[in-house]
């Protein structure tokens, strides 16, 4: 009986640890996509304009859609989530860009998605 408890506890710990690792992988890919847009607004584009559908990118796992609008970068979670998930995403992106002078703010916009503000 003790062996069974040990096995179950071990599996639970491994599961929790693995979810954290997957979350970090997803964040790294998302950061690569958003970093590319932030950088391009300093090097390639003055603005993406209002109709920038051709520049839209999705993460490989299909979890995030990233689309620039002018000098704003919109990040949308592609599955049904509650407001807490967008709050977490906003906080992660805000932390990621806290020392980047090209990003003015990261906030939840009226549509419920997260915006990365790169306006001059």
PDB file of N, CA and C in Angstrom:
ATOM      1  N   UNK A   1       0.817  -1.197   0.000  1.00  0.00           N
ATOM      2  CA  UNK A   1       0.000   0.000   0.000  1.00  0.00           C
ATOM      3  C   UNK A   1       0.861   1.261   0.000  1.00  0.00           C
ATOM      4  N   UNK A   2       1.969   1.234   0.759  1.00  0.00           N
ATOM      5  CA  UNK A   2       2.849   2.399   0.798  1.00  0.00           C
ATOM      6  C   UNK A   2       3.493   2.640  -0.562  1.00  0.00           C
ATOM      7  N   UNK A   3       3.830   1.555  -1.253  1.00  0.00           N
ATOM      8  CA  UNK A   3       4.445   1.706  -2.584  1.00  0.00           C
ATOM      9  C   UNK A   3       3.477   2.392  -3.545  1.00  0.00           C
ATOM     10  N   UNK A   4       2.218   2.032  -3.460  1.00  0.00           N
ATOM     11  CA  UNK A   4       1.208   2.641  -4.323  1.00  0.00           C
ATOM     12  C   UNK A   4       1.089   4.139  -4.051  1.00  0.00           C
ATOM     13  N   UNK A   5       1.094   4.526  -2.784  1.00  0.00           N
ATOM     14  CA  UNK A   5       1.028   5.938  -2.424  1.00  0.00           C
ATOM     15  C   UNK A   5       2.242   6.693  -2.951  1.00  0.00           C
ATOM     16  N   UNK A   6       3.411   6.081  -2.832  1.00  0.00           N
ATOM     17  CA  UNK A   6       4.638   6.708  -3.310  1.00  0.00           C
ATOM     18  C   UNK A   6       4.583   6.894  -4.821  1.00  0.00           C
ATOM     19  N   UNK A   7       4.106   5.878  -5.514  1.00  0.00           N
ATOM     20  CA  UNK A   7       4.003   5.952  -6.975  1.00  0.00           C
ATOM     21  C   UNK A   7       3.022   7.049  -7.382  1.00  0.00           C
ATOM     22  N   UNK A   8       1.887   7.112  -6.733  1.00  0.00           N
ATOM     23  CA  UNK A   8       0.881   8.126  -7.047  1.00  0.00           C
ATOM     24  C   UNK A   8       1.421   9.521  -6.775  1.00  0.00           C
ATOM     25  N   UNK A   9       2.072   9.715  -5.638  1.00  0.00           N
ATOM     26  CA  UNK A   9       2.640  11.024  -5.308  1.00  0.00           C
ATOM     27  C   UNK A   9       3.719  11.413  -6.314  1.00  0.00           C
ATOM     28  N   UNK A  10       4.548  10.460  -6.706  1.00  0.00           N
ATOM     29  CA  UNK A  10       5.600  10.732  -7.685  1.00  0.00           C
ATOM     30  C   UNK A  10       4.992  11.161  -9.013  1.00  0.00           C
ATOM     31  N   UNK A  11       3.964  10.468  -9.453  1.00  0.00           N
ATOM     32  CA  UNK A  11       3.294  10.827 -10.702  1.00  0.00           C
ATOM     33  C   UNK A  11       2.669  12.216 -10.627  1.00  0.00           C
ATOM     34  N   UNK A  12       2.092  12.549  -9.488  1.00  0.00           N
ATOM     35  CA  UNK A  12       1.481  13.862  -9.328  1.00  0.00           C
ATOM     36  C   UNK A  12       2.547  14.963  -9.400  1.00  0.00           C
ATOM     37  N   UNK A  13       3.661  14.771  -8.747  1.00  0.00           N
ATOM     38  CA  UNK A  13       4.737  15.758  -8.762  1.00  0.00           C
ATOM     39  C   UNK A  13       5.287  15.910 -10.173  1.00  0.00           C
ATOM     40  N   UNK A  14       5.525  14.795 -10.857  1.00  0.00           N
ATOM     41  CA  UNK A  14       6.037  14.856 -12.221  1.00  0.00           C
ATOM     42  C   UNK A  14       5.068  15.576 -13.155  1.00  0.00           C
ATOM     43  N   UNK A  15       3.790  15.344 -12.971  1.00  0.00           N
ATOM     44  CA  UNK A  15       2.780  16.003 -13.792  1.00  0.00           C
ATOM     45  C   UNK A  15       2.809  17.513 -13.578  1.00  0.00           C
ATOM     46  N   UNK A  16       2.859  17.935 -12.327  1.00  0.00           N
ATOM     47  CA  UNK A  16       2.897  19.371 -12.039  1.00  0.00           C
ATOM     48  C   UNK A  16       4.156  20.018 -12.586  1.00  0.00           C
ATOM     49  N   UNK A  17       5.286  19.356 -12.438  1.00  0.00           N
ATOM     50  CA  UNK A  17       6.544  19.896 -12.947  1.00  0.00           C
ATOM     51  C   UNK A  17       6.504  19.989 -14.469  1.00  0.00           C
ATOM     52  N   UNK A  18       5.968  18.966 -15.119  1.00  0.00           N
ATOM     53  CA  UNK A  18       5.940  18.977 -16.581  1.00  0.00           C
ATOM     54  C   UNK A  18       5.033  20.068 -17.119  1.00  0.00           C
ATOM     55  N   UNK A  19       3.924  20.376 -16.454  1.00  0.00           N
ATOM     56  CA  UNK A  19       3.060  21.462 -16.910  1.00  0.00           C
ATOM     57  C   UNK A  19       3.789  22.788 -16.865  1.00  0.00           C
ATOM     58  N   UNK A  20       4.568  23.027 -15.840  1.00  0.00           N
ATOM     59  CA  UNK A  20       5.353  24.249 -15.754  1.00  0.00           C
ATOM     60  C   UNK A  20       6.349  24.334 -16.881  1.00  0.00           C
ATOM     61  N   UNK A  21       6.972  23.230 -17.242  1.00  0.00           N
ATOM     62  CA  UNK A  21       7.956  23.214 -18.312  1.00  0.00           C
ATOM     63  C   UNK A  21       7.302  23.504 -19.656  1.00  0.00           C
ATOM     64  N   UNK A  22       6.157  22.896 -19.911  1.00  0.00           N
ATOM     65  CA  UNK A  22       5.434  23.149 -21.162  1.00  0.00           C
ATOM     66  C   UNK A  22       5.040  24.613 -21.239  1.00  0.00           C
ATOM     67  N   UNK A  23       4.599  25.187 -20.132  1.00  0.00           N
ATOM     68  CA  UNK A  23       4.218  26.591 -20.111  1.00  0.00           C
ATOM     69  C   UNK A  23       5.399  27.480 -20.492  1.00  0.00           C
ATOM     70  N   UNK A  24       6.587  27.157 -20.012  1.00  0.00           N
ATOM     71  CA  UNK A  24       7.778  27.941 -20.349  1.00  0.00           C
ATOM     72  C   UNK A  24       8.111  27.822 -21.835  1.00  0.00           C
ATOM     73  N   UNK A  25       7.953  26.621 -22.405  1.00  0.00           N
ATOM     74  CA  UNK A  25       8.200  26.441 -23.840  1.00  0.00           C
ATOM     75  C   UNK A  25       7.228  27.302 -24.637  1.00  0.00           C
ATOM     76  N   UNK A  26       5.949  27.280 -24.268  1.00  0.00           N
ATOM     77  CA  UNK A  26       4.949  28.086 -24.965  1.00  0.00           C
ATOM     78  C   UNK A  26       5.294  29.567 -24.855  1.00  0.00           C
ATOM     79  N   UNK A  27       5.715  29.996 -23.665  1.00  0.00           N
ATOM     80  CA  UNK A  27       6.083  31.408 -23.480  1.00  0.00           C
ATOM     81  C   UNK A  27       7.269  31.779 -24.353  1.00  0.00           C
ATOM     82  N   UNK A  28       8.270  30.923 -24.444  1.00  0.00           N
ATOM     83  CA  UNK A  28       9.453  31.235 -25.248  1.00  0.00           C
ATOM     84  C   UNK A  28       9.086  31.405 -26.715  1.00  0.00           C
ATOM     85  N   UNK A  29       8.244  30.545 -27.230  1.00  0.00           N
ATOM     86  CA  UNK A  29       7.829  30.688 -28.632  1.00  0.00           C
ATOM     87  C   UNK A  29       7.016  31.970 -28.819  1.00  0.00           C
ATOM     88  N   UNK A  30       6.116  32.246 -27.893  1.00  0.00           N
ATOM     89  CA  UNK A  30       5.334  33.479 -27.971  1.00  0.00           C
ATOM     90  C   UNK A  30       6.248  34.697 -27.911  1.00  0.00           C
ATOM     91  N   UNK A  31       7.236  34.679 -27.023  1.00  0.00           N
ATOM     92  CA  UNK A  31       8.180  35.793 -26.922  1.00  0.00           C
ATOM     93  C   UNK A  31       8.960  35.974 -28.227  1.00  0.00           C
ATOM     94  N   UNK A  32       9.321  34.895 -28.879  1.00  0.00           N
ATOM     95  CA  UNK A  32      10.044  34.999 -30.151  1.00  0.00           C
ATOM     96  C   UNK A  32       9.193  35.710 -31.196  1.00  0.00           C
ATOM     97  N   UNK A  33       7.913  35.364 -31.240  1.00  0.00           N
ATOM     98  CA  UNK A  33       7.006  35.986 -32.215  1.00  0.00           C
ATOM     99  C   UNK A  33       6.806  37.465 -31.888  1.00  0.00           C
ATOM    100  N   UNK A  34       6.486  37.771 -30.630  1.00  0.00           N
ATOM    101  CA  UNK A  34       6.244  39.170 -30.273  1.00  0.00           C
ATOM    102  C   UNK A  34       7.532  39.993 -30.361  1.00  0.00           C
ATOM    103  N   UNK A  35       8.660  39.413 -29.969  1.00  0.00           N
ATOM    104  CA  UNK A  35       9.947  40.125 -30.095  1.00  0.00           C
ATOM    105  C   UNK A  35      10.233  40.486 -31.544  1.00  0.00           C
ATOM    106  N   UNK A  36       9.882  39.584 -32.465  1.00  0.00           N
ATOM    107  CA  UNK A  36      10.085  39.857 -33.888  1.00  0.00           C
ATOM    108  C   UNK A  36       9.300  41.073 -34.341  1.00  0.00           C
ATOM    109  N   UNK A  37       8.040  41.186 -33.885  1.00  0.00           N
ATOM    110  CA  UNK A  37       7.226  42.352 -34.250  1.00  0.00           C
ATOM    111  C   UNK A  37       7.771  43.628 -33.601  1.00  0.00           C
ATOM    112  N   UNK A  38       8.142  43.547 -32.328  1.00  0.00           N
ATOM    113  CA  UNK A  38       8.681  44.727 -31.640  1.00  0.00           C
ATOM    114  C   UNK A  38       9.940  45.216 -32.351  1.00  0.00           C
ATOM    115  N   UNK A  39      10.816  44.292 -32.696  1.00  0.00           N
ATOM    116  CA  UNK A  39      12.067  44.663 -33.376  1.00  0.00           C
ATOM    117  C   UNK A  39      11.785  45.250 -34.763  1.00  0.00           C
ATOM    118  N   UNK A  40      10.859  44.636 -35.494  1.00  0.00           N
ATOM    119  CA  UNK A  40      10.585  45.108 -36.849  1.00  0.00           C
ATOM    120  C   UNK A  40      10.019  46.521 -36.858  1.00  0.00           C
ATOM    121  N   UNK A  41       9.344  46.916 -35.780  1.00  0.00           N
ATOM    122  CA  UNK A  41       8.834  48.282 -35.696  1.00  0.00           C
ATOM    123  C   UNK A  41       9.952  49.291 -35.478  1.00  0.00           C
ATOM    124  N   UNK A  42      11.136  48.822 -35.145  1.00  0.00           N
ATOM    125  CA  UNK A  42      12.291  49.702 -34.981  1.00  0.00           C
ATOM    126  C   UNK A  42      13.212  49.652 -36.201  1.00  0.00           C
ATOM    127  N   UNK A  43      13.129  48.561 -36.974  1.00  0.00           N
ATOM    128  CA  UNK A  43      14.086  48.367 -38.061  1.00  0.00           C
ATOM    129  C   UNK A  43      13.461  48.353 -39.450  1.00  0.00           C
ATOM    130  N   UNK A  44      12.278  47.773 -39.604  1.00  0.00           N
ATOM    131  CA  UNK A  44      11.709  47.537 -40.926  1.00  0.00           C
ATOM    132  C   UNK A  44      10.465  48.372 -41.215  1.00  0.00           C
ATOM    133  N   UNK A  45       9.563  48.438 -40.248  1.00  0.00           N
ATOM    134  CA  UNK A  45       8.268  49.100 -40.459  1.00  0.00           C
ATOM    135  C   UNK A  45       8.130  50.317 -39.565  1.00  0.00           C
ATOM    136  N   UNK A  46       7.580  51.371 -40.125  1.00  0.00           N
ATOM    137  CA  UNK A  46       7.178  52.520 -39.312  1.00  0.00           C
ATOM    138  C   UNK A  46       5.870  52.177 -38.605  1.00  0.00           C
ATOM    139  N   UNK A  47       5.014  51.448 -39.341  1.00  0.00           N
ATOM    140  CA  UNK A  47       3.722  51.026 -38.827  1.00  0.00           C
ATOM    141  C   UNK A  47       3.229  49.879 -39.703  1.00  0.00           C
ATOM    142  N   UNK A  48       2.448  48.985 -39.121  1.00  0.00           N
ATOM    143  CA  UNK A  48       1.874  47.896 -39.908  1.00  0.00           C
ATOM    144  C   UNK A  48       0.558  48.289 -40.565  1.00  0.00           C
ATOM    145  N   UNK A  49       0.012  49.453 -40.239  1.00  0.00           N
ATOM    146  CA  UNK A  49      -1.259  49.870 -40.803  1.00  0.00           C
ATOM    147  C   UNK A  49      -2.430  49.191 -40.105  1.00  0.00           C
ATOM    148  N   UNK A  50      -3.612  49.562 -40.498  1.00  0.00           N
ATOM    149  CA  UNK A  50      -4.813  49.041 -39.839  1.00  0.00           C
ATOM    150  C   UNK A  50      -5.230  47.664 -40.355  1.00  0.00           C
ATOM    151  N   UNK A  51      -4.886  47.336 -41.572  1.00  0.00           N
ATOM    152  CA  UNK A  51      -5.282  46.058 -42.153  1.00  0.00           C
ATOM    153  C   UNK A  51      -4.030  45.224 -42.393  1.00  0.00           C
ATOM    154  N   UNK A  52      -3.575  44.568 -41.353  1.00  0.00           N
ATOM    155  CA  UNK A  52      -2.287  43.870 -41.394  1.00  0.00           C
ATOM    156  C   UNK A  52      -2.453  42.361 -41.279  1.00  0.00           C
ATOM    157  N   UNK A  53      -3.545  41.841 -41.785  1.00  0.00           N
ATOM    158  CA  UNK A  53      -3.842  40.406 -41.678  1.00  0.00           C
ATOM    159  C   UNK A  53      -2.717  39.541 -42.252  1.00  0.00           C
ATOM    160  N   UNK A  54      -2.050  40.004 -43.308  1.00  0.00           N
ATOM    161  CA  UNK A  54      -0.988  39.196 -43.925  1.00  0.00           C
ATOM    162  C   UNK A  54       0.227  39.030 -43.015  1.00  0.00           C
ATOM    163  N   UNK A  55       0.339  39.863 -41.977  1.00  0.00           N
ATOM    164  CA  UNK A  55       1.464  39.759 -41.046  1.00  0.00           C
ATOM    165  C   UNK A  55       1.143  38.902 -39.819  1.00  0.00           C
ATOM    166  N   UNK A  56      -0.094  38.456 -39.706  1.00  0.00           N
ATOM    167  CA  UNK A  56      -0.518  37.670 -38.548  1.00  0.00           C
ATOM    168  C   UNK A  56       0.295  36.390 -38.425  1.00  0.00           C
ATOM    169  N   UNK A  57       0.680  36.076 -37.190  1.00  0.00           N
ATOM    170  CA  UNK A  57       1.414  34.837 -36.926  1.00  0.00           C
ATOM    171  C   UNK A  57       0.726  34.059 -35.819  1.00  0.00           C
ATOM    172  N   UNK A  58       0.854  32.758 -35.902  1.00  0.00           N
ATOM    173  CA  UNK A  58       0.327  31.852 -34.880  1.00  0.00           C
ATOM    174  C   UNK A  58       1.490  31.053 -34.322  1.00  0.00           C
ATOM    175  N   UNK A  59       1.448  30.756 -33.026  1.00  0.00           N
ATOM    176  CA  UNK A  59       2.476  29.881 -32.470  1.00  0.00           C
ATOM    177  C   UNK A  59       2.253  28.477 -33.019  1.00  0.00           C
ATOM    178  N   UNK A  60       3.305  27.682 -33.041  1.00  0.00           N
ATOM    179  CA  UNK A  60       3.228  26.340 -33.627  1.00  0.00           C
ATOM    180  C   UNK A  60       2.176  25.476 -32.964  1.00  0.00           C
ATOM    181  N   UNK A  61       1.969  25.673 -31.674  1.00  0.00           N
ATOM    182  CA  UNK A  61       0.973  24.873 -30.963  1.00  0.00           C
ATOM    183  C   UNK A  61      -0.450  25.372 -31.193  1.00  0.00           C
ATOM    184  N   UNK A  62      -0.587  26.499 -31.913  1.00  0.00           N
ATOM    185  CA  UNK A  62      -1.907  27.041 -32.203  1.00  0.00           C
ATOM    186  C   UNK A  62      -2.563  27.739 -31.028  1.00  0.00           C
ATOM    187  N   UNK A  63      -1.840  27.929 -29.941  1.00  0.00           N
ATOM    188  CA  UNK A  63      -2.430  28.514 -28.738  1.00  0.00           C
ATOM    189  C   UNK A  63      -2.566  30.034 -28.831  1.00  0.00           C
ATOM    190  N   UNK A  64      -1.651  30.700 -29.550  1.00  0.00           N
ATOM    191  CA  UNK A  64      -1.669  32.154 -29.611  1.00  0.00           C
ATOM    192  C   UNK A  64      -1.732  32.661 -31.051  1.00  0.00           C
ATOM    193  N   UNK A  65      -2.467  33.745 -31.229  1.00  0.00           N
ATOM    194  CA  UNK A  65      -2.501  34.484 -32.488  1.00  0.00           C
ATOM    195  C   UNK A  65      -1.921  35.863 -32.185  1.00  0.00           C
ATOM    196  N   UNK A  66      -0.939  36.280 -32.982  1.00  0.00           N
ATOM    197  CA  UNK A  66      -0.290  37.569 -32.770  1.00  0.00           C
ATOM    198  C   UNK A  66      -0.445  38.386 -34.051  1.00  0.00           C
ATOM    199  N   UNK A  67      -1.045  39.570 -33.918  1.00  0.00           N
ATOM    200  CA  UNK A  67      -1.296  40.397 -35.094  1.00  0.00           C
ATOM    201  C   UNK A  67      -0.983  41.856 -34.780  1.00  0.00           C
ATOM    202  N   UNK A  68      -0.169  42.482 -35.616  1.00  0.00           N
ATOM    203  CA  UNK A  68       0.117  43.902 -35.414  1.00  0.00           C
ATOM    204  C   UNK A  68      -0.989  44.783 -36.000  1.00  0.00           C
ATOM    205  N   UNK A  69      -1.231  45.913 -35.343  1.00  0.00           N
ATOM    206  CA  UNK A  69      -2.151  46.945 -35.819  1.00  0.00           C
ATOM    207  C   UNK A  69      -1.429  48.269 -35.631  1.00  0.00           C
ATOM    208  N   UNK A  70      -1.015  48.896 -36.702  1.00  0.00           N
ATOM    209  CA  UNK A  70      -0.257  50.134 -36.562  1.00  0.00           C
ATOM    210  C   UNK A  70       1.026  49.855 -35.806  1.00  0.00           C
ATOM    211  N   UNK A  71       1.173  50.446 -34.624  1.00  0.00           N
ATOM    212  CA  UNK A  71       2.333  50.198 -33.768  1.00  0.00           C
ATOM    213  C   UNK A  71       1.928  49.459 -32.492  1.00  0.00           C
ATOM    214  N   UNK A  72       0.774  48.799 -32.554  1.00  0.00           N
ATOM    215  CA  UNK A  72       0.302  47.949 -31.462  1.00  0.00           C
ATOM    216  C   UNK A  72       0.396  46.493 -31.901  1.00  0.00           C
ATOM    217  N   UNK A  73       0.665  45.613 -30.957  1.00  0.00           N
ATOM    218  CA  UNK A  73       0.735  44.185 -31.251  1.00  0.00           C
ATOM    219  C   UNK A  73      -0.309  43.486 -30.392  1.00  0.00           C
ATOM    220  N   UNK A  74      -1.274  42.854 -31.044  1.00  0.00           N
ATOM    221  CA  UNK A  74      -2.376  42.191 -30.359  1.00  0.00           C
ATOM    222  C   UNK A  74      -2.055  40.711 -30.167  1.00  0.00           C
ATOM    223  N   UNK A  75      -2.220  40.225 -28.940  1.00  0.00           N
ATOM    224  CA  UNK A  75      -1.981  38.814 -28.630  1.00  0.00           C
ATOM    225  C   UNK A  75      -3.292  38.216 -28.136  1.00  0.00           C
ATOM    226  N   UNK A  76      -3.734  37.176 -28.839  1.00  0.00           N
ATOM    227  CA  UNK A  76      -4.999  36.527 -28.501  1.00  0.00           C
ATOM    228  C   UNK A  76      -4.746  35.056 -28.189  1.00  0.00           C
ATOM    229  N   UNK A  77      -5.378  34.567 -27.132  1.00  0.00           N
ATOM    230  CA  UNK A  77      -5.329  33.143 -26.809  1.00  0.00           C
ATOM    231  C   UNK A  77      -6.414  32.470 -27.637  1.00  0.00           C
ATOM    232  N   UNK A  78      -6.044  31.428 -28.370  1.00  0.00           N
ATOM    233  CA  UNK A  78      -6.950  30.811 -29.342  1.00  0.00           C
ATOM    234  C   UNK A  78      -7.848  29.721 -28.770  1.00  0.00           C
ATOM    235  N   UNK A  79      -7.941  29.628 -27.464  1.00  0.00           N
ATOM    236  CA  UNK A  79      -8.894  28.702 -26.857  1.00  0.00           C
ATOM    237  C   UNK A  79      -9.725  29.485 -25.863  1.00  0.00           C
ATOM    238  N   UNK A  80     -10.851  28.926 -25.488  1.00  0.00           N
ATOM    239  CA  UNK A  80     -11.722  29.623 -24.549  1.00  0.00           C
ATOM    240  C   UNK A  80     -11.060  29.631 -23.172  1.00  0.00           C
ATOM    241  N   UNK A  81     -10.811  30.825 -22.656  1.00  0.00           N
ATOM    242  CA  UNK A  81     -10.216  30.975 -21.330  1.00  0.00           C
ATOM    243  C   UNK A  81     -10.948  32.089 -20.587  1.00  0.00           C
ATOM    244  N   UNK A  82     -10.764  32.116 -19.287  1.00  0.00           N
ATOM    245  CA  UNK A  82     -11.386  33.175 -18.501  1.00  0.00           C
ATOM    246  C   UNK A  82     -10.461  34.388 -18.421  1.00  0.00           C
ATOM    247  N   UNK A  83     -10.941  35.441 -17.808  1.00  0.00           N
ATOM    248  CA  UNK A  83     -10.177  36.684 -17.710  1.00  0.00           C
ATOM    249  C   UNK A  83      -8.869  36.515 -16.950  1.00  0.00           C
ATOM    250  N   UNK A  84      -8.828  35.564 -16.030  1.00  0.00           N
ATOM    251  CA  UNK A  84      -7.597  35.339 -15.258  1.00  0.00           C
ATOM    252  C   UNK A  84      -6.442  34.913 -16.155  1.00  0.00           C
ATOM    253  N   UNK A  85      -6.724  34.146 -17.191  1.00  0.00           N
ATOM    254  CA  UNK A  85      -5.661  33.709 -18.106  1.00  0.00           C
ATOM    255  C   UNK A  85      -5.091  34.882 -18.885  1.00  0.00           C
ATOM    256  N   UNK A  86      -5.960  35.817 -19.283  1.00  0.00           N
ATOM    257  CA  UNK A  86      -5.466  37.016 -19.971  1.00  0.00           C
ATOM    258  C   UNK A  86      -4.682  37.905 -19.009  1.00  0.00           C
ATOM    259  N   UNK A  87      -5.094  37.936 -17.769  1.00  0.00           N
ATOM    260  CA  UNK A  87      -4.353  38.709 -16.765  1.00  0.00           C
ATOM    261  C   UNK A  87      -2.955  38.110 -16.575  1.00  0.00           C
ATOM    262  N   UNK A  88      -2.873  36.781 -16.527  1.00  0.00           N
ATOM    263  CA  UNK A  88      -1.571  36.110 -16.404  1.00  0.00           C
ATOM    264  C   UNK A  88      -0.699  36.394 -17.625  1.00  0.00           C
ATOM    265  N   UNK A  89      -1.300  36.307 -18.808  1.00  0.00           N
ATOM    266  CA  UNK A  89      -0.565  36.575 -20.043  1.00  0.00           C
ATOM    267  C   UNK A  89      -0.056  38.015 -20.051  1.00  0.00           C
ATOM    268  N   UNK A  90      -0.907  38.952 -19.673  1.00  0.00           N
ATOM    269  CA  UNK A  90      -0.497  40.358 -19.608  1.00  0.00           C
ATOM    270  C   UNK A  90       0.694  40.518 -18.661  1.00  0.00           C
ATOM    271  N   UNK A  91       0.616  39.898 -17.501  1.00  0.00           N
ATOM    272  CA  UNK A  91       1.694  40.032 -16.523  1.00  0.00           C
ATOM    273  C   UNK A  91       3.000  39.415 -17.020  1.00  0.00           C
ATOM    274  N   UNK A  92       2.910  38.277 -17.706  1.00  0.00           N
ATOM    275  CA  UNK A  92       4.113  37.636 -18.256  1.00  0.00           C
ATOM    276  C   UNK A  92       4.751  38.518 -19.331  1.00  0.00           C
ATOM    277  N   UNK A  93       3.919  39.066 -20.220  1.00  0.00           N
ATOM    278  CA  UNK A  93       4.451  39.934 -21.268  1.00  0.00           C
ATOM    279  C   UNK A  93       4.990  41.242 -20.694  1.00  0.00           C
ATOM    280  N   UNK A  94       4.310  41.773 -19.696  1.00  0.00           N
ATOM    281  CA  UNK A  94       4.775  43.002 -19.046  1.00  0.00           C
ATOM    282  C   UNK A  94       6.145  42.767 -18.409  1.00  0.00           C
ATOM    283  N   UNK A  95       6.310  41.637 -17.758  1.00  0.00           N
ATOM    284  CA  UNK A  95       7.604  41.287 -17.150  1.00  0.00           C
ATOM    285  C   UNK A  95       8.673  41.108 -18.226  1.00  0.00           C
ATOM    286  N   UNK A  96       8.298  40.443 -19.324  1.00  0.00           N
ATOM    287  CA  UNK A  96       9.247  40.197 -20.411  1.00  0.00           C
ATOM    288  C   UNK A  96       9.752  41.506 -21.027  1.00  0.00           C
ATOM    289  N   UNK A  97       8.878  42.502 -21.133  1.00  0.00           N
ATOM    290  CA  UNK A  97       9.234  43.757 -21.798  1.00  0.00           C
ATOM    291  C   UNK A  97       9.550  44.902 -20.832  1.00  0.00           C
ATOM    292  N   UNK A  98       9.675  44.625 -19.552  1.00  0.00           N
ATOM    293  CA  UNK A  98       9.847  45.704 -18.573  1.00  0.00           C
ATOM    294  C   UNK A  98      11.080  46.564 -18.823  1.00  0.00           C
ATOM    295  N   UNK A  99      12.139  46.013 -19.398  1.00  0.00           N
ATOM    296  CA  UNK A  99      13.358  46.783 -19.654  1.00  0.00           C
ATOM    297  C   UNK A  99      13.551  47.116 -21.133  1.00  0.00           C
ATOM    298  N   UNK A 100      12.507  46.946 -21.933  1.00  0.00           N
ATOM    299  CA  UNK A 100      12.588  47.228 -23.363  1.00  0.00           C
ATOM    300  C   UNK A 100      12.018  48.623 -23.620  1.00  0.00           C
ATOM    301  N   UNK A 101      12.884  49.555 -23.981  1.00  0.00           N
ATOM    302  CA  UNK A 101      12.449  50.940 -24.180  1.00  0.00           C
ATOM    303  C   UNK A 101      11.551  51.112 -25.406  1.00  0.00           C
ATOM    304  N   UNK A 102      11.463  50.107 -26.254  1.00  0.00           N
ATOM    305  CA  UNK A 102      10.594  50.180 -27.435  1.00  0.00           C
ATOM    306  C   UNK A 102       9.140  49.855 -27.111  1.00  0.00           C
ATOM    307  N   UNK A 103       8.903  49.305 -25.916  1.00  0.00           N
ATOM    308  CA  UNK A 103       7.549  48.947 -25.499  1.00  0.00           C
ATOM    309  C   UNK A 103       7.105  49.921 -24.409  1.00  0.00           C
ATOM    310  N   UNK A 104       6.033  50.663 -24.696  1.00  0.00           N
ATOM    311  CA  UNK A 104       5.518  51.645 -23.737  1.00  0.00           C
ATOM    312  C   UNK A 104       4.665  51.024 -22.657  1.00  0.00           C
ATOM    313  N   UNK A 105       3.864  50.022 -23.035  1.00  0.00           N
ATOM    314  CA  UNK A 105       2.935  49.423 -22.080  1.00  0.00           C
ATOM    315  C   UNK A 105       2.461  48.078 -22.609  1.00  0.00           C
ATOM    316  N   UNK A 106       1.992  47.246 -21.713  1.00  0.00           N
ATOM    317  CA  UNK A 106       1.318  45.999 -22.052  1.00  0.00           C
ATOM    318  C   UNK A 106       0.027  46.015 -21.244  1.00  0.00           C
ATOM    319  N   UNK A 107      -1.106  45.872 -21.927  1.00  0.00           N
ATOM    320  CA  UNK A 107      -2.384  45.986 -21.232  1.00  0.00           C
ATOM    321  C   UNK A 107      -3.441  45.109 -21.888  1.00  0.00           C
ATOM    322  N   UNK A 108      -4.523  44.906 -21.156  1.00  0.00           N
ATOM    323  CA  UNK A 108      -5.679  44.186 -21.706  1.00  0.00           C
ATOM    324  C   UNK A 108      -6.571  45.233 -22.360  1.00  0.00           C
ATOM    325  N   UNK A 109      -6.849  45.042 -23.642  1.00  0.00           N
ATOM    326  CA  UNK A 109      -7.658  46.031 -24.364  1.00  0.00           C
ATOM    327  C   UNK A 109      -9.145  45.734 -24.183  1.00  0.00           C
ATOM    328  N   UNK A 110      -9.971  46.607 -24.696  1.00  0.00           N
ATOM    329  CA  UNK A 110     -11.412  46.482 -24.553  1.00  0.00           C
ATOM    330  C   UNK A 110     -11.970  45.197 -25.131  1.00  0.00           C
ATOM    331  N   UNK A 111     -11.310  44.642 -26.143  1.00  0.00           N
ATOM    332  CA  UNK A 111     -11.774  43.400 -26.753  1.00  0.00           C
ATOM    333  C   UNK A 111     -11.415  42.164 -25.938  1.00  0.00           C
ATOM    334  N   UNK A 112     -10.667  42.361 -24.848  1.00  0.00           N
ATOM    335  CA  UNK A 112     -10.320  41.256 -23.971  1.00  0.00           C
ATOM    336  C   UNK A 112      -8.991  40.616 -24.299  1.00  0.00           C
ATOM    337  N   UNK A 113      -8.314  41.075 -25.338  1.00  0.00           N
ATOM    338  CA  UNK A 113      -7.012  40.515 -25.684  1.00  0.00           C
ATOM    339  C   UNK A 113      -5.910  41.402 -25.109  1.00  0.00           C
ATOM    340  N   UNK A 114      -4.667  40.959 -25.232  1.00  0.00           N
ATOM    341  CA  UNK A 114      -3.540  41.718 -24.691  1.00  0.00           C
ATOM    342  C   UNK A 114      -2.889  42.531 -25.805  1.00  0.00           C
ATOM    343  N   UNK A 115      -2.585  43.787 -25.515  1.00  0.00           N
ATOM    344  CA  UNK A 115      -1.918  44.664 -26.457  1.00  0.00           C
ATOM    345  C   UNK A 115      -0.521  45.009 -25.952  1.00  0.00           C
ATOM    346  N   UNK A 116       0.430  44.982 -26.867  1.00  0.00           N
ATOM    347  CA  UNK A 116       1.780  45.458 -26.607  1.00  0.00           C
ATOM    348  C   UNK A 116       1.893  46.783 -27.351  1.00  0.00           C
ATOM    349  N   UNK A 117       2.074  47.859 -26.611  1.00  0.00           N
ATOM    350  CA  UNK A 117       2.055  49.220 -27.161  1.00  0.00           C
ATOM    351  C   UNK A 117       3.472  49.659 -27.502  1.00  0.00           C
ATOM    352  N   UNK A 118       3.736  49.851 -28.786  1.00  0.00           N
ATOM    353  CA  UNK A 118       5.062  50.301 -29.273  1.00  0.00           C
ATOM    354  C   UNK A 118       4.964  51.667 -29.938  1.00  0.00           C
ATOM    355  N   UNK A 119       3.913  52.409 -29.611  1.00  0.00           N
ATOM    356  CA  UNK A 119       3.739  53.725 -30.231  1.00  0.00           C
ATOM    357  C   UNK A 119       4.824  54.681 -29.745  1.00  0.00           C
ATOM    358  N   UNK A 120       5.217  55.569 -30.645  1.00  0.00           N
ATOM    359  CA  UNK A 120       6.240  56.581 -30.297  1.00  0.00           C
ATOM    360  C   UNK A 120       5.666  57.640 -29.389  1.00  0.00           C
TER     361      UNK A 120
END
